[in-house]
Amino acid sequence: MTEFAFYKTSNFSVDETFYILAQKALEKNLNSVVIFETKEVLKDISIMLWSKKPESFLPHSIERDNLSNDSPIYLTTREDNPNKSQIIFSPEGVLVKKSKNWKRCIYIFDHDDISTFDRLKEHYFLLENSEEKIELYEQNKGNWIKNNYMR
């Protein structure tokens, strides 16, 4: 069964939140896929993963690389899983259609992005009706708290 998590950002950007969560996944030796709507945002995130912290980077590959099987983080605009990841991140609100291919599906969105929130809210209610395990997180003064803000 896939676990679903929704992260509603306010103090951090979506990119910063993704970076922190991807770093935690790496620390636990969990591979991940990151799905994007556009190649432009994919490229921006790839640059961020290389340069966010000058002393280190988060190892990753993108869909055009030949290293996708060996990379712990795989960035793509398609819903594939070449690195046998356990987690899929959706920092643009792309709805994951084949969620059973992962143990955890993580949606990250900005609290001011109404269209993404509406799309994810509709998805949340479909998941809730199918009795999936769902966690909702919201930032409160920099801390993440569980809160059912979808109601």
Protein backbone atom coordinates (compact mmCIF):
# COMPACT_ATOMS: atom_id res chain seq x y z
CA MET A 1 0.00 0.00 0.00
CA THR A 2 1.27 3.46 -0.90
CA GLU A 3 1.42 6.17 1.75
CA PHE A 4 0.55 9.69 0.63
CA ALA A 5 1.88 12.89 2.17
CA PHE A 6 0.86 16.45 1.32
CA TYR A 7 3.17 19.30 2.39
CA LYS A 8 1.69 22.79 2.34
CA THR A 9 4.54 25.32 2.47
CA SER A 10 4.42 28.84 3.84
CA ASN A 11 7.75 29.67 5.53
CA PHE A 12 9.88 27.74 3.04
CA SER A 13 9.55 27.63 -0.73
CA VAL A 14 8.46 24.44 -2.46
CA ASP A 15 12.05 24.02 -3.72
CA GLU A 16 13.52 24.38 -0.22
CA THR A 17 10.99 21.93 1.21
CA PHE A 18 11.75 19.42 -1.53
CA TYR A 19 15.50 19.81 -0.92
CA ILE A 20 15.10 19.08 2.80
CA LEU A 21 12.87 16.04 2.20
CA ALA A 22 15.14 14.67 -0.55
CA GLN A 23 18.14 15.07 1.75
CA LYS A 24 16.31 13.11 4.49
CA ALA A 25 15.47 10.35 2.01
CA LEU A 26 19.14 10.13 1.01
CA GLU A 27 20.20 9.92 4.66
CA LYS A 28 17.90 6.88 4.98
CA ASN A 29 19.35 5.36 1.76
CA LEU A 30 16.00 5.68 0.00
CA ASN A 31 16.01 6.33 -3.73
CA SER A 32 13.49 8.78 -5.10
CA VAL A 33 11.90 9.94 -8.34
CA VAL A 34 10.90 13.57 -8.76
CA ILE A 35 8.19 14.22 -11.34
CA PHE A 36 7.73 17.60 -13.02
CA GLU A 37 5.24 19.09 -15.39
CA THR A 38 7.87 20.97 -17.38
CA LYS A 39 11.49 20.41 -18.38
CA GLU A 40 12.28 24.01 -17.42
CA VAL A 41 11.43 23.44 -13.76
CA LEU A 42 13.23 20.08 -13.87
CA LYS A 43 16.40 21.88 -15.07
CA ASP A 44 16.04 24.55 -12.36
CA ILE A 45 15.77 21.89 -9.64
CA SER A 46 18.75 20.01 -11.09
CA ILE A 47 20.84 23.18 -10.84
CA MET A 48 19.63 23.73 -7.28
CA LEU A 49 20.60 20.18 -6.27
CA TRP A 50 24.12 20.82 -7.57
CA SER A 51 24.58 24.27 -6.08
CA LYS A 52 22.34 24.86 -3.03
CA LYS A 53 25.10 24.03 -0.56
CA PRO A 54 28.59 24.87 -1.84
CA GLU A 55 30.22 22.22 0.37
CA SER A 56 28.02 19.40 -0.93
CA PHE A 57 25.38 18.47 -3.48
CA LEU A 58 22.56 15.97 -3.73
CA PRO A 59 23.52 13.30 -6.29
CA HIS A 60 20.94 12.97 -9.03
CA SER A 61 20.33 12.35 -12.70
CA ILE A 62 17.78 13.63 -15.14
CA GLU A 63 15.72 11.74 -17.69
CA ARG A 64 18.15 12.32 -20.56
CA ASP A 65 21.15 10.95 -18.60
CA ASN A 66 22.38 7.40 -18.97
CA LEU A 67 23.02 7.25 -15.22
CA SER A 68 19.39 7.00 -14.11
CA ASN A 69 19.68 3.42 -12.80
CA ASP A 70 22.57 4.31 -10.50
CA SER A 71 21.32 7.64 -9.22
CA PRO A 72 19.58 7.95 -5.84
CA ILE A 73 17.47 10.89 -7.11
CA TYR A 74 15.98 10.79 -10.60
CA LEU A 75 14.34 13.90 -12.10
CA THR A 76 11.78 13.34 -14.86
CA THR A 77 8.66 14.58 -16.63
CA ARG A 78 7.45 11.00 -17.02
CA GLU A 79 6.17 8.57 -14.45
CA ASP A 80 8.94 6.01 -14.62
CA ASN A 81 11.11 4.40 -11.97
CA PRO A 82 14.51 3.41 -13.41
CA ASN A 83 16.35 3.69 -10.07
CA LYS A 84 13.91 1.39 -8.23
CA SER A 85 12.94 4.20 -5.90
CA GLN A 86 10.63 3.89 -2.92
CA ILE A 87 9.53 7.53 -3.00
CA ILE A 88 8.09 9.81 -5.64
CA PHE A 89 8.06 13.57 -5.07
CA SER A 90 5.71 15.91 -6.90
CA PRO A 91 6.84 19.50 -6.24
CA GLU A 92 4.66 20.94 -9.02
CA GLY A 93 1.46 19.17 -8.09
CA VAL A 94 1.65 16.63 -10.92
CA LEU A 95 -0.83 13.90 -10.02
CA VAL A 96 0.86 10.51 -9.77
CA LYS A 97 -1.25 8.00 -11.68
CA LYS A 98 0.79 4.85 -10.93
CA SER A 99 1.22 5.45 -7.22
CA LYS A 100 1.39 1.71 -6.46
CA ASN A 101 4.91 1.74 -7.96
CA TRP A 102 6.16 3.55 -4.85
CA LYS A 103 5.88 3.11 -1.08
CA ARG A 104 5.47 6.85 -0.54
CA CYS A 105 4.04 9.58 -2.74
CA ILE A 106 4.84 13.14 -1.58
CA TYR A 107 3.09 16.23 -2.92
CA ILE A 108 4.59 19.63 -2.07
CA PHE A 109 2.76 22.87 -2.82
CA ASP A 110 2.80 26.54 -1.90
CA HIS A 111 -0.07 27.78 0.28
CA ASP A 112 -0.64 30.67 -2.16
CA ASP A 113 -0.94 28.45 -5.24
CA ILE A 114 -4.72 28.09 -5.34
CA SER A 115 -4.94 26.11 -8.60
CA THR A 116 -2.46 23.47 -7.38
CA PHE A 117 -4.19 23.34 -4.00
CA ASP A 118 -7.59 22.80 -5.66
CA ARG A 119 -6.20 20.01 -7.88
CA LEU A 120 -4.53 18.29 -4.92
CA LYS A 121 -7.60 18.72 -2.73
CA GLU A 122 -9.71 16.87 -5.30
CA HIS A 123 -7.05 14.15 -5.45
CA TYR A 124 -6.96 13.98 -1.64
CA PHE A 125 -10.72 13.29 -1.47
CA LEU A 126 -10.39 10.50 -4.05
CA LEU A 127 -7.60 8.96 -1.98
CA GLU A 128 -9.55 9.38 1.24
CA ASN A 129 -12.54 7.57 -0.25
CA SER A 130 -10.28 4.68 -1.24
CA GLU A 131 -9.04 4.44 2.37
CA GLU A 132 -5.39 5.10 1.54
CA LYS A 133 -2.99 6.17 4.29
CA ILE A 134 -2.71 9.97 4.05
CA GLU A 135 -0.74 12.50 6.07
CA LEU A 136 -1.14 16.26 5.74
CA TYR A 137 1.61 18.61 6.90
CA GLU A 138 1.51 22.37 7.20
CA GLN A 139 4.21 24.80 8.26
CA ASN A 140 3.74 26.65 11.52
CA LYS A 141 6.56 29.09 12.31
CA GLY A 142 9.06 26.87 10.48
CA ASN A 143 7.89 23.60 12.05
CA TRP A 144 5.87 20.93 10.29
CA ILE A 145 2.63 19.98 12.02
CA LYS A 146 0.00 17.45 11.02
CA ASN A 147 -3.17 19.30 10.15
CA ASN A 148 -6.15 18.40 8.01
CA TYR A 149 -6.29 21.63 6.00
CA MET A 150 -8.14 19.88 3.16
CA ARG A 151 -11.45 20.00 5.03
